[in-house]
């Protein structure tokens, strides 16, 4: 069987399997240890092992690897020695620094949602989120800042990926109670109406947060924003198109959150922001409508 090849020049995001990720070049320090404290493939495997240990039914979705424009440590590097050994485009010739995947848990799922553990790895470290997955559109929901962890630059900063897995295991061992609570939160989101004028206020808030963060010298300490400027445009357009169909239609907080989570996908959001922006948006809506 001919070995699979990848071309990040034609498409800067590629799908790979966990086995393929395990065969890529390892990024290590001078002591031959994982540069970020754990290999990305080990992190995904350890998360899957934790889900299995909790006796939950699950599957690992395809893994996304992404190139970016970082010149010193790009999202994907070709290691010439392995390219010469295994061939141009060989999976084994790549060192991958930007990875995103999810583990879908079908235990206690209903017609609309199941549960997902989302995993992100990039040049700064690891991120992990836990929450409902909207089955029809694969939107990742994060219902509360406490369901998001990062090894860098966040309120829920973890000392290392090992600690993240320990916390995840605690969540998984209380899966039934957490799932029940999250279904109640979904109902609260769905039962809270957002009038047109409030939606315009939300769009204004998103713009204000973006401007303040992008002008850090004038507004120091501003947290990361939920939506970039281009995403604010896409978010607003999605809402306006729905209103154009029926101006009298009422939208809930759940609908508003889904307008945003439609954008938190590989290819639409930079990998390091996939989970942190999502968590920020969720927390903004929960605070605004007192749904926490």
Protein backbone atom coordinates (compact mmCIF):
# COMPACT_ATOMS: atom_id res chain seq x y z
CA UNK A 1 0.00 0.00 0.00
CA UNK A 2 1.40 3.38 -1.05
CA UNK A 3 2.22 5.69 1.86
CA UNK A 4 -0.04 8.72 2.20
CA UNK A 5 1.43 12.15 1.48
CA UNK A 6 0.43 15.64 2.62
CA UNK A 7 0.73 19.00 0.85
CA UNK A 8 0.41 22.01 3.12
CA UNK A 9 1.21 24.39 0.26
CA UNK A 10 -2.08 23.72 -1.52
CA UNK A 11 -4.11 23.39 1.68
CA UNK A 12 -2.70 24.71 4.95
CA UNK A 13 -5.03 22.46 6.98
CA UNK A 14 -4.83 18.69 6.60
CA UNK A 15 -6.74 15.84 8.26
CA UNK A 16 -4.72 13.01 9.76
CA UNK A 17 -5.36 10.04 12.04
CA UNK A 18 -3.93 9.55 15.51
CA UNK A 19 -1.68 6.78 14.22
CA UNK A 20 -0.36 9.13 11.54
CA UNK A 21 0.25 11.86 14.11
CA UNK A 22 2.21 9.38 16.21
CA UNK A 23 4.49 8.75 13.21
CA UNK A 24 5.42 12.43 12.75
CA UNK A 25 8.68 13.96 13.93
CA UNK A 26 8.80 14.63 17.67
CA UNK A 27 9.71 18.11 18.93
CA UNK A 28 12.06 17.63 21.86
CA UNK A 29 14.35 19.62 24.14
CA UNK A 30 18.06 19.02 24.65
CA UNK A 31 17.27 16.17 27.02
CA UNK A 32 15.18 14.37 24.39
CA UNK A 33 11.99 15.16 26.29
CA UNK A 34 8.80 16.67 24.80
CA UNK A 35 9.36 20.40 24.35
CA UNK A 36 5.87 21.25 25.67
CA UNK A 37 5.88 18.71 28.51
CA UNK A 38 3.99 16.03 26.58
CA UNK A 39 3.78 15.01 22.93
CA UNK A 40 0.56 16.12 21.24
CA UNK A 41 -0.28 12.56 20.23
CA UNK A 42 0.29 11.33 23.78
CA UNK A 43 -2.04 14.04 25.07
CA UNK A 44 -4.82 12.96 22.72
CA UNK A 45 -4.23 9.31 23.61
CA UNK A 46 -4.22 10.07 27.34
CA UNK A 47 -7.50 11.97 27.03
CA UNK A 48 -9.04 9.02 25.16
CA UNK A 49 -7.72 6.66 27.84
CA UNK A 50 -9.33 8.82 30.55
CA UNK A 51 -12.69 8.69 28.75
CA UNK A 52 -12.38 4.92 28.40
CA UNK A 53 -11.45 4.55 32.07
CA UNK A 54 -14.66 6.37 32.98
CA UNK A 55 -16.54 3.66 31.00
CA UNK A 56 -18.02 6.13 28.52
CA UNK A 57 -18.70 5.39 24.85
CA UNK A 58 -16.59 7.56 22.55
CA UNK A 59 -14.86 8.03 19.23
CA UNK A 60 -11.93 10.18 18.18
CA UNK A 61 -12.73 12.60 15.38
CA UNK A 62 -10.17 13.28 12.61
CA UNK A 63 -7.19 15.33 13.74
CA UNK A 64 -6.51 18.65 12.01
CA UNK A 65 -2.94 19.83 11.46
CA UNK A 66 -2.37 23.41 10.34
CA UNK A 67 0.41 25.47 8.84
CA UNK A 68 0.84 29.12 9.82
CA UNK A 69 3.18 32.03 9.08
CA UNK A 70 5.38 31.81 12.16
CA UNK A 71 8.89 31.93 10.67
CA UNK A 72 10.79 30.67 13.71
CA UNK A 73 8.45 27.82 14.70
CA UNK A 74 5.86 27.33 11.94
CA UNK A 75 2.78 25.20 12.43
CA UNK A 76 4.32 22.56 10.20
CA UNK A 77 7.99 22.02 9.41
CA UNK A 78 9.51 19.61 6.91
CA UNK A 79 12.56 17.86 8.32
CA UNK A 80 14.83 17.36 5.33
CA UNK A 81 16.56 14.25 6.69
CA UNK A 82 13.22 12.44 6.97
CA UNK A 83 11.93 13.85 3.69
CA UNK A 84 14.97 12.35 1.97
CA UNK A 85 14.41 9.05 3.79
CA UNK A 86 10.63 8.71 3.42
CA UNK A 87 9.85 10.86 0.38
CA UNK A 88 8.36 14.24 -0.47
CA UNK A 89 5.16 14.88 1.47
CA UNK A 90 5.53 11.81 3.66
CA UNK A 91 3.65 12.09 6.96
CA UNK A 92 6.82 10.90 8.71
CA UNK A 93 8.78 13.90 7.39
CA UNK A 94 6.65 16.53 9.15
CA UNK A 95 7.03 18.12 12.56
CA UNK A 96 3.57 19.42 13.52
CA UNK A 97 3.01 22.23 16.02
CA UNK A 98 -0.66 23.10 15.45
CA UNK A 99 -3.13 20.32 16.14
CA UNK A 100 -6.85 20.26 16.88
CA UNK A 101 -9.17 17.33 17.51
CA UNK A 102 -12.19 16.25 19.51
CA UNK A 103 -13.31 13.14 21.29
CA UNK A 104 -17.06 12.65 21.01
CA UNK A 105 -18.82 10.96 23.93
CA UNK A 106 -22.14 9.36 23.00
CA UNK A 107 -23.09 8.25 26.52
CA UNK A 108 -26.31 10.04 27.61
CA UNK A 109 -26.67 11.74 24.23
CA UNK A 110 -30.05 12.97 23.00
CA UNK A 111 -31.39 13.90 19.57
CA UNK A 112 -29.70 17.31 19.58
CA UNK A 113 -26.47 16.99 21.52
CA UNK A 114 -23.82 14.67 22.87
CA UNK A 115 -20.59 15.64 24.64
CA UNK A 116 -17.19 16.56 23.25
CA UNK A 117 -13.73 16.91 24.70
CA UNK A 118 -11.90 19.39 22.45
CA UNK A 119 -8.10 19.34 22.33
CA UNK A 120 -5.80 22.02 20.94
CA UNK A 121 -2.01 22.07 20.73
CA UNK A 122 0.06 24.92 19.35
CA UNK A 123 3.41 26.66 19.74
CA UNK A 124 2.37 28.09 23.13
CA UNK A 125 1.05 24.94 24.76
CA UNK A 126 -2.08 22.86 25.31
CA UNK A 127 -5.77 23.74 25.62
CA UNK A 128 -8.72 21.52 26.50
CA UNK A 129 -12.46 22.15 26.66
CA UNK A 130 -15.41 20.01 27.71
CA UNK A 131 -19.03 20.55 26.80
CA UNK A 132 -22.01 19.75 24.59
CA UNK A 133 -21.58 19.09 20.90
CA UNK A 134 -24.48 20.13 18.66
CA UNK A 135 -24.81 17.06 16.47
CA UNK A 136 -26.35 18.62 13.36
CA UNK A 137 -23.60 21.22 12.89
CA UNK A 138 -20.78 19.89 15.10
CA UNK A 139 -20.68 23.11 17.11
CA UNK A 140 -18.57 22.87 20.25
CA UNK A 141 -20.24 24.47 23.27
CA UNK A 142 -18.36 25.43 26.45
CA UNK A 143 -20.90 26.17 29.16
CA UNK A 144 -18.79 28.06 31.66
CA UNK A 145 -15.18 29.19 31.94
CA UNK A 146 -14.47 26.36 34.37
CA UNK A 147 -14.85 23.85 31.52
CA UNK A 148 -11.89 25.32 29.66
CA UNK A 149 -8.23 24.78 30.55
CA UNK A 150 -4.98 26.06 29.09
CA UNK A 151 -1.31 25.74 29.95
CA UNK A 152 -0.79 29.40 28.98
CA UNK A 153 -2.34 32.87 29.17
CA UNK A 154 -5.73 32.26 30.74
CA UNK A 155 -7.55 32.53 34.06
CA UNK A 156 -7.83 28.73 34.16
CA UNK A 157 -4.12 28.25 33.51
CA UNK A 158 -2.82 24.79 34.31
CA UNK A 159 0.79 24.06 35.28
CA UNK A 160 1.16 21.24 32.75
CA UNK A 161 -0.86 18.90 30.50
CA UNK A 162 -0.67 16.17 33.14
CA UNK A 163 -2.74 18.30 35.51
CA UNK A 164 -5.26 18.98 32.75
CA UNK A 165 -5.83 15.25 32.34
CA UNK A 166 -6.28 14.88 36.11
CA UNK A 167 -8.96 17.58 36.12
CA UNK A 168 -10.63 16.06 33.06
CA UNK A 169 -10.74 12.69 34.82
CA UNK A 170 -12.59 14.33 37.71
CA UNK A 171 -15.15 15.71 35.26
CA UNK A 172 -15.53 12.34 33.56
CA UNK A 173 -16.07 10.58 36.86
CA UNK A 174 -18.95 13.00 37.49
CA UNK A 175 -20.18 12.78 33.92
CA UNK A 176 -23.82 12.03 34.73
CA UNK A 177 -24.17 15.02 37.06
CA UNK A 178 -22.32 17.38 34.68
CA UNK A 179 -24.38 16.25 31.69
CA UNK A 180 -27.60 16.83 33.65
CA UNK A 181 -26.46 20.33 34.63
CA UNK A 182 -25.43 21.18 31.09
CA UNK A 183 -28.80 20.09 29.69
CA UNK A 184 -30.43 22.42 32.22
CA UNK A 185 -28.12 25.22 31.08
CA UNK A 186 -29.00 24.55 27.44
CA UNK A 187 -32.69 24.90 28.32
CA UNK A 188 -31.91 28.20 30.06
CA UNK A 189 -30.05 29.41 26.96
CA UNK A 190 -32.95 28.34 24.74
CA UNK A 191 -35.53 29.95 27.01
CA UNK A 192 -33.85 33.36 27.15
CA UNK A 193 -34.95 35.63 24.29
CA UNK A 194 -32.58 38.21 22.79
CA UNK A 195 -34.58 41.14 21.34
CA UNK A 196 -33.28 42.84 18.20
CA UNK A 197 -31.96 45.88 20.06
CA UNK A 198 -30.02 43.64 22.45
CA UNK A 199 -28.48 41.76 19.55
CA UNK A 200 -27.24 45.07 18.21
CA UNK A 201 -25.80 45.81 21.65
CA UNK A 202 -24.00 42.45 21.62
CA UNK A 203 -22.50 43.24 18.21
CA UNK A 204 -21.38 46.59 19.60
CA UNK A 205 -19.85 44.90 22.65
CA UNK A 206 -17.93 42.48 20.42
CA UNK A 207 -16.54 45.40 18.41
CA UNK A 208 -15.61 47.33 21.55
CA UNK A 209 -13.81 44.32 23.03
CA UNK A 210 -11.90 43.80 19.81
CA UNK A 211 -10.82 47.46 19.59
CA UNK A 212 -9.68 47.56 23.22
CA UNK A 213 -7.67 44.35 22.95
CA UNK A 214 -6.03 45.42 19.68
CA UNK A 215 -4.98 48.72 21.29
CA UNK A 216 -3.32 47.24 24.35
CA UNK A 217 -1.13 50.30 24.97
CA UNK A 218 -4.23 52.41 25.54
CA UNK A 219 -6.25 49.67 27.28
CA UNK A 220 -3.82 47.46 29.24
CA UNK A 221 -5.11 44.27 30.79
CA UNK A 222 -7.97 43.80 28.34
CA UNK A 223 -8.87 40.06 28.05
CA UNK A 224 -8.95 38.25 24.73
CA UNK A 225 -12.01 38.97 22.65
CA UNK A 226 -14.61 36.39 21.59
CA UNK A 227 -14.65 37.44 17.92
CA UNK A 228 -12.11 39.00 15.57
CA UNK A 229 -13.19 41.84 13.30
CA UNK A 230 -13.83 39.55 10.33
CA UNK A 231 -15.75 37.17 12.59
CA UNK A 232 -17.87 40.03 13.93
CA UNK A 233 -18.83 40.70 10.31
CA UNK A 234 -19.66 37.04 9.66
CA UNK A 235 -21.56 36.80 12.98
CA UNK A 236 -23.60 39.92 12.15
CA UNK A 237 -24.26 38.78 8.59
CA UNK A 238 -25.56 35.38 9.76
CA UNK A 239 -27.97 37.11 12.13
CA UNK A 240 -29.11 39.67 9.54
CA UNK A 241 -29.76 36.98 6.94
CA UNK A 242 -32.00 35.14 9.38
CA UNK A 243 -33.84 38.36 10.28
CA UNK A 244 -34.29 39.10 6.58
CA UNK A 245 -36.22 35.86 6.19
CA UNK A 246 -38.57 36.78 9.03
CA UNK A 247 -38.01 40.07 10.88
CA UNK A 248 -40.46 39.05 13.61
CA UNK A 249 -38.59 35.85 14.37
CA UNK A 250 -37.31 35.65 17.94
CA UNK A 251 -33.83 34.43 18.73
CA UNK A 252 -32.61 32.92 21.98
CA UNK A 253 -29.23 33.09 23.67
CA UNK A 254 -28.70 29.56 22.33
CA UNK A 255 -29.20 30.84 18.78
CA UNK A 256 -26.80 33.72 19.37
CA UNK A 257 -24.16 31.39 20.80
CA UNK A 258 -24.55 29.10 17.78
CA UNK A 259 -24.01 32.04 15.41
CA UNK A 260 -20.61 32.34 17.09
CA UNK A 261 -19.75 28.64 17.45
CA UNK A 262 -20.39 28.20 13.73
CA UNK A 263 -17.18 30.21 13.36
CA UNK A 264 -15.06 28.31 15.88
CA UNK A 265 -13.99 25.65 13.40
CA UNK A 266 -10.63 24.76 11.83
CA UNK A 267 -10.30 26.99 8.77
CA UNK A 268 -12.50 29.73 10.22
CA UNK A 269 -10.59 30.49 13.43
CA UNK A 270 -6.87 30.39 14.14
CA UNK A 271 -6.09 27.20 16.09
CA UNK A 272 -4.88 28.88 19.32
CA UNK A 273 -8.20 30.79 19.47
CA UNK A 274 -10.61 27.94 18.70
CA UNK A 275 -11.32 27.14 22.33
CA UNK A 276 -10.35 30.33 24.16
CA UNK A 277 -12.58 32.54 21.98
CA UNK A 278 -15.41 30.04 22.37
CA UNK A 279 -15.04 30.06 26.16
CA UNK A 280 -14.94 33.86 26.17
CA UNK A 281 -18.16 34.08 24.12
CA UNK A 282 -19.96 31.60 26.33
CA UNK A 283 -18.90 33.40 29.49
CA UNK A 284 -19.92 36.78 28.04
CA UNK A 285 -23.45 35.50 27.30
CA UNK A 286 -23.76 33.72 30.64
CA UNK A 287 -22.71 36.88 32.49
CA UNK A 288 -24.92 39.16 30.41
CA UNK A 289 -28.03 37.05 30.93
CA UNK A 290 -27.10 35.67 34.36
CA UNK A 291 -27.18 32.07 33.19
CA UNK A 292 -24.22 30.77 35.18
